[in-house]
Amino acid sequence: MLPRPHRISGDLFDKIMNEGKVVHSPFFLARVFREKNGAPARVAAVVSVKVGKISAVRHLVKRRIYEAVRPLVPKMLPGNAVILLAKPTVLKLKPLEMQPDIEAVFVKAGVLR
């Protein structure tokens, strides 16, 4: 899990889902929102039932996403909030293959330094 300042609150989550810019990759869909106040970079992971019907599978994927994002958070520009939505193809990835794809999504969205 990410430290509290780098997690997205419920109100901000709804705002990002409604107003965020969408960036696609083969394994993830990212919604990016830039906050005006220069808050720390924030990230959330969402894994739907389409990815895995068993909750243990969904939680495993979510933990792997957070572990892949952890080294990228310090490199993110302040004020950016990102929700990563996993696509069903993410199950084909090994844990070490996840970070380069997430980093590519962040670069495409313009949230990395």
C-alpha atoms as a PDB file:
ATOM      1  CA  MET A   1       0.000   0.000   0.000  1.00  0.00           C
ATOM      2  CA  LEU A   2       1.132   3.524  -0.655  1.00  0.00           C
ATOM      3  CA  PRO A   3       1.624   6.032   2.168  1.00  0.00           C
ATOM      4  CA  ARG A   4      -1.487   8.047   3.056  1.00  0.00           C
ATOM      5  CA  PRO A   5      -0.431  11.321   1.296  1.00  0.00           C
ATOM      6  CA  HIS A   6      -0.071   9.436  -2.005  1.00  0.00           C
ATOM      7  CA  ARG A   7      -3.498   7.757  -1.932  1.00  0.00           C
ATOM      8  CA  ILE A   8      -6.641   9.171  -3.537  1.00  0.00           C
ATOM      9  CA  SER A   9      -9.641  10.102  -1.354  1.00  0.00           C
ATOM     10  CA  GLY A  10     -13.228   9.234  -2.252  1.00  0.00           C
ATOM     11  CA  ASP A  11     -14.224  12.742  -3.331  1.00  0.00           C
ATOM     12  CA  LEU A  12     -11.139  13.134  -5.492  1.00  0.00           C
ATOM     13  CA  PHE A  13     -11.728   9.667  -6.969  1.00  0.00           C
ATOM     14  CA  ASP A  14     -15.162  10.685  -8.256  1.00  0.00           C
ATOM     15  CA  LYS A  15     -13.786  13.936  -9.664  1.00  0.00           C
ATOM     16  CA  ILE A  16     -10.994  12.104 -11.523  1.00  0.00           C
ATOM     17  CA  MET A  17     -13.397   9.545 -12.966  1.00  0.00           C
ATOM     18  CA  ASN A  18     -15.663  12.323 -14.277  1.00  0.00           C
ATOM     19  CA  GLU A  19     -13.110  14.904 -15.438  1.00  0.00           C
ATOM     20  CA  GLY A  20      -9.815  13.024 -15.885  1.00  0.00           C
ATOM     21  CA  LYS A  21      -7.934  12.666 -19.151  1.00  0.00           C
ATOM     22  CA  VAL A  22      -7.809   9.072 -20.430  1.00  0.00           C
ATOM     23  CA  VAL A  23      -4.596   7.322 -21.508  1.00  0.00           C
ATOM     24  CA  HIS A  24      -4.581   3.733 -22.830  1.00  0.00           C
ATOM     25  CA  SER A  25      -2.017   0.957 -22.920  1.00  0.00           C
ATOM     26  CA  PRO A  26      -2.431  -2.743 -23.715  1.00  0.00           C
ATOM     27  CA  PHE A  27      -2.722  -3.594 -20.008  1.00  0.00           C
ATOM     28  CA  PHE A  28      -3.996  -0.427 -18.310  1.00  0.00           C
ATOM     29  CA  LEU A  29      -6.325   2.501 -18.718  1.00  0.00           C
ATOM     30  CA  ALA A  30      -5.256   5.559 -16.759  1.00  0.00           C
ATOM     31  CA  ARG A  31      -7.353   8.552 -15.806  1.00  0.00           C
ATOM     32  CA  VAL A  32      -5.174  11.563 -15.061  1.00  0.00           C
ATOM     33  CA  PHE A  33      -6.238  14.728 -13.282  1.00  0.00           C
ATOM     34  CA  ARG A  34      -4.078  17.744 -12.486  1.00  0.00           C
ATOM     35  CA  GLU A  35      -4.893  19.464  -9.208  1.00  0.00           C
ATOM     36  CA  LYS A  36      -4.372  23.211  -8.964  1.00  0.00           C
ATOM     37  CA  ASN A  37      -3.062  23.346  -5.392  1.00  0.00           C
ATOM     38  CA  GLY A  38       0.202  21.463  -6.019  1.00  0.00           C
ATOM     39  CA  ALA A  39      -0.707  18.556  -3.741  1.00  0.00           C
ATOM     40  CA  PRO A  40       1.598  15.526  -3.676  1.00  0.00           C
ATOM     41  CA  ALA A  41       1.282  13.035  -6.523  1.00  0.00           C
ATOM     42  CA  ARG A  42      -1.477  10.509  -5.865  1.00  0.00           C
ATOM     43  CA  VAL A  43      -2.264   7.095  -7.315  1.00  0.00           C
ATOM     44  CA  ALA A  44      -5.111   4.575  -7.041  1.00  0.00           C
ATOM     45  CA  ALA A  45      -5.518   1.125  -8.590  1.00  0.00           C
ATOM     46  CA  VAL A  46      -8.836  -0.358  -9.686  1.00  0.00           C
ATOM     47  CA  VAL A  47      -9.281  -3.992 -10.673  1.00  0.00           C
ATOM     48  CA  SER A  48     -12.785  -4.922 -11.803  1.00  0.00           C
ATOM     49  CA  VAL A  49     -14.596  -8.245 -11.809  1.00  0.00           C
ATOM     50  CA  LYS A  50     -13.863  -8.453 -15.542  1.00  0.00           C
ATOM     51  CA  VAL A  51     -10.207  -9.066 -14.657  1.00  0.00           C
ATOM     52  CA  GLY A  52     -10.918 -11.844 -12.168  1.00  0.00           C
ATOM     53  CA  LYS A  53     -14.135 -13.180 -10.728  1.00  0.00           C
ATOM     54  CA  ILE A  54     -12.364 -14.299  -7.544  1.00  0.00           C
ATOM     55  CA  SER A  55     -11.538 -11.485  -5.133  1.00  0.00           C
ATOM     56  CA  ALA A  56      -8.165 -13.045  -4.284  1.00  0.00           C
ATOM     57  CA  VAL A  57      -7.084 -12.606  -7.906  1.00  0.00           C
ATOM     58  CA  ARG A  58      -8.246  -8.993  -7.972  1.00  0.00           C
ATOM     59  CA  HIS A  59      -6.425  -8.188  -4.725  1.00  0.00           C
ATOM     60  CA  LEU A  60      -3.262  -9.888  -5.995  1.00  0.00           C
ATOM     61  CA  VAL A  61      -3.304  -7.746  -9.139  1.00  0.00           C
ATOM     62  CA  LYS A  62      -3.971  -4.615  -7.075  1.00  0.00           C
ATOM     63  CA  ARG A  63      -1.036  -5.352  -4.739  1.00  0.00           C
ATOM     64  CA  ARG A  64       1.230  -5.929  -7.739  1.00  0.00           C
ATOM     65  CA  ILE A  65       0.157  -2.617  -9.270  1.00  0.00           C
ATOM     66  CA  TYR A  66       0.872  -0.725  -6.047  1.00  0.00           C
ATOM     67  CA  GLU A  67       4.269  -2.415  -5.748  1.00  0.00           C
ATOM     68  CA  ALA A  68       5.110  -1.427  -9.336  1.00  0.00           C
ATOM     69  CA  VAL A  69       3.958   2.170  -8.755  1.00  0.00           C
ATOM     70  CA  ARG A  70       5.863   2.656  -5.473  1.00  0.00           C
ATOM     71  CA  PRO A  71       9.256   3.558  -7.087  1.00  0.00           C
ATOM     72  CA  LEU A  72       7.541   5.812  -9.654  1.00  0.00           C
ATOM     73  CA  VAL A  73       5.690   8.031  -7.171  1.00  0.00           C
ATOM     74  CA  PRO A  74       8.771  10.121  -6.213  1.00  0.00           C
ATOM     75  CA  LYS A  75       9.391  10.775  -9.926  1.00  0.00           C
ATOM     76  CA  MET A  76       5.843  12.061 -10.515  1.00  0.00           C
ATOM     77  CA  LEU A  77       5.157  15.763 -10.852  1.00  0.00           C
ATOM     78  CA  PRO A  78       3.310  17.233  -7.849  1.00  0.00           C
ATOM     79  CA  GLY A  79      -0.384  17.907  -8.299  1.00  0.00           C
ATOM     80  CA  ASN A  80      -1.056  14.890 -10.508  1.00  0.00           C
ATOM     81  CA  ALA A  81      -3.613  12.270  -9.518  1.00  0.00           C
ATOM     82  CA  VAL A  82      -3.796   9.010 -11.484  1.00  0.00           C
ATOM     83  CA  ILE A  83      -6.272   6.148 -11.342  1.00  0.00           C
ATOM     84  CA  LEU A  84      -4.944   2.981 -12.977  1.00  0.00           C
ATOM     85  CA  LEU A  85      -7.707   0.668 -14.183  1.00  0.00           C
ATOM     86  CA  ALA A  86      -6.449  -2.831 -14.983  1.00  0.00           C
ATOM     87  CA  LYS A  87      -7.593  -4.487 -18.200  1.00  0.00           C
ATOM     88  CA  PRO A  88      -8.191  -8.276 -18.312  1.00  0.00           C
ATOM     89  CA  THR A  89      -4.938  -8.739 -20.256  1.00  0.00           C
ATOM     90  CA  VAL A  90      -2.984  -7.730 -17.126  1.00  0.00           C
ATOM     91  CA  LEU A  91      -3.222 -11.332 -15.916  1.00  0.00           C
ATOM     92  CA  LYS A  92      -0.743 -12.318 -18.646  1.00  0.00           C
ATOM     93  CA  LEU A  93       1.937 -10.049 -17.119  1.00  0.00           C
ATOM     94  CA  LYS A  94       4.532 -11.246 -14.656  1.00  0.00           C
ATOM     95  CA  PRO A  95       5.046  -8.941 -11.651  1.00  0.00           C
ATOM     96  CA  LEU A  96       8.348  -7.573 -13.001  1.00  0.00           C
ATOM     97  CA  GLU A  97       6.806  -6.785 -16.403  1.00  0.00           C
ATOM     98  CA  MET A  98       4.177  -4.497 -14.889  1.00  0.00           C
ATOM     99  CA  GLN A  99       6.418  -1.554 -13.943  1.00  0.00           C
ATOM    100  CA  PRO A 100       7.702  -0.749 -17.476  1.00  0.00           C
ATOM    101  CA  ASP A 101       4.141  -0.668 -18.820  1.00  0.00           C
ATOM    102  CA  ILE A 102       2.926   1.553 -15.981  1.00  0.00           C
ATOM    103  CA  GLU A 103       5.919   3.834 -16.497  1.00  0.00           C
ATOM    104  CA  ALA A 104       5.074   4.046 -20.221  1.00  0.00           C
ATOM    105  CA  VAL A 105       1.495   5.044 -19.345  1.00  0.00           C
ATOM    106  CA  PHE A 106       2.788   7.730 -16.959  1.00  0.00           C
ATOM    107  CA  VAL A 107       5.165   9.097 -19.608  1.00  0.00           C
ATOM    108  CA  LYS A 108       2.358   9.132 -22.194  1.00  0.00           C
ATOM    109  CA  ALA A 109       0.150  11.010 -19.730  1.00  0.00           C
ATOM    110  CA  GLY A 110       2.935  13.494 -18.932  1.00  0.00           C
ATOM    111  CA  VAL A 111       3.025  12.915 -15.173  1.00  0.00           C
ATOM    112  CA  LEU A 112       6.695  11.929 -14.798  1.00  0.00           C
ATOM    113  CA  ARG A 113       9.587  14.361 -14.432  1.00  0.00           C
END
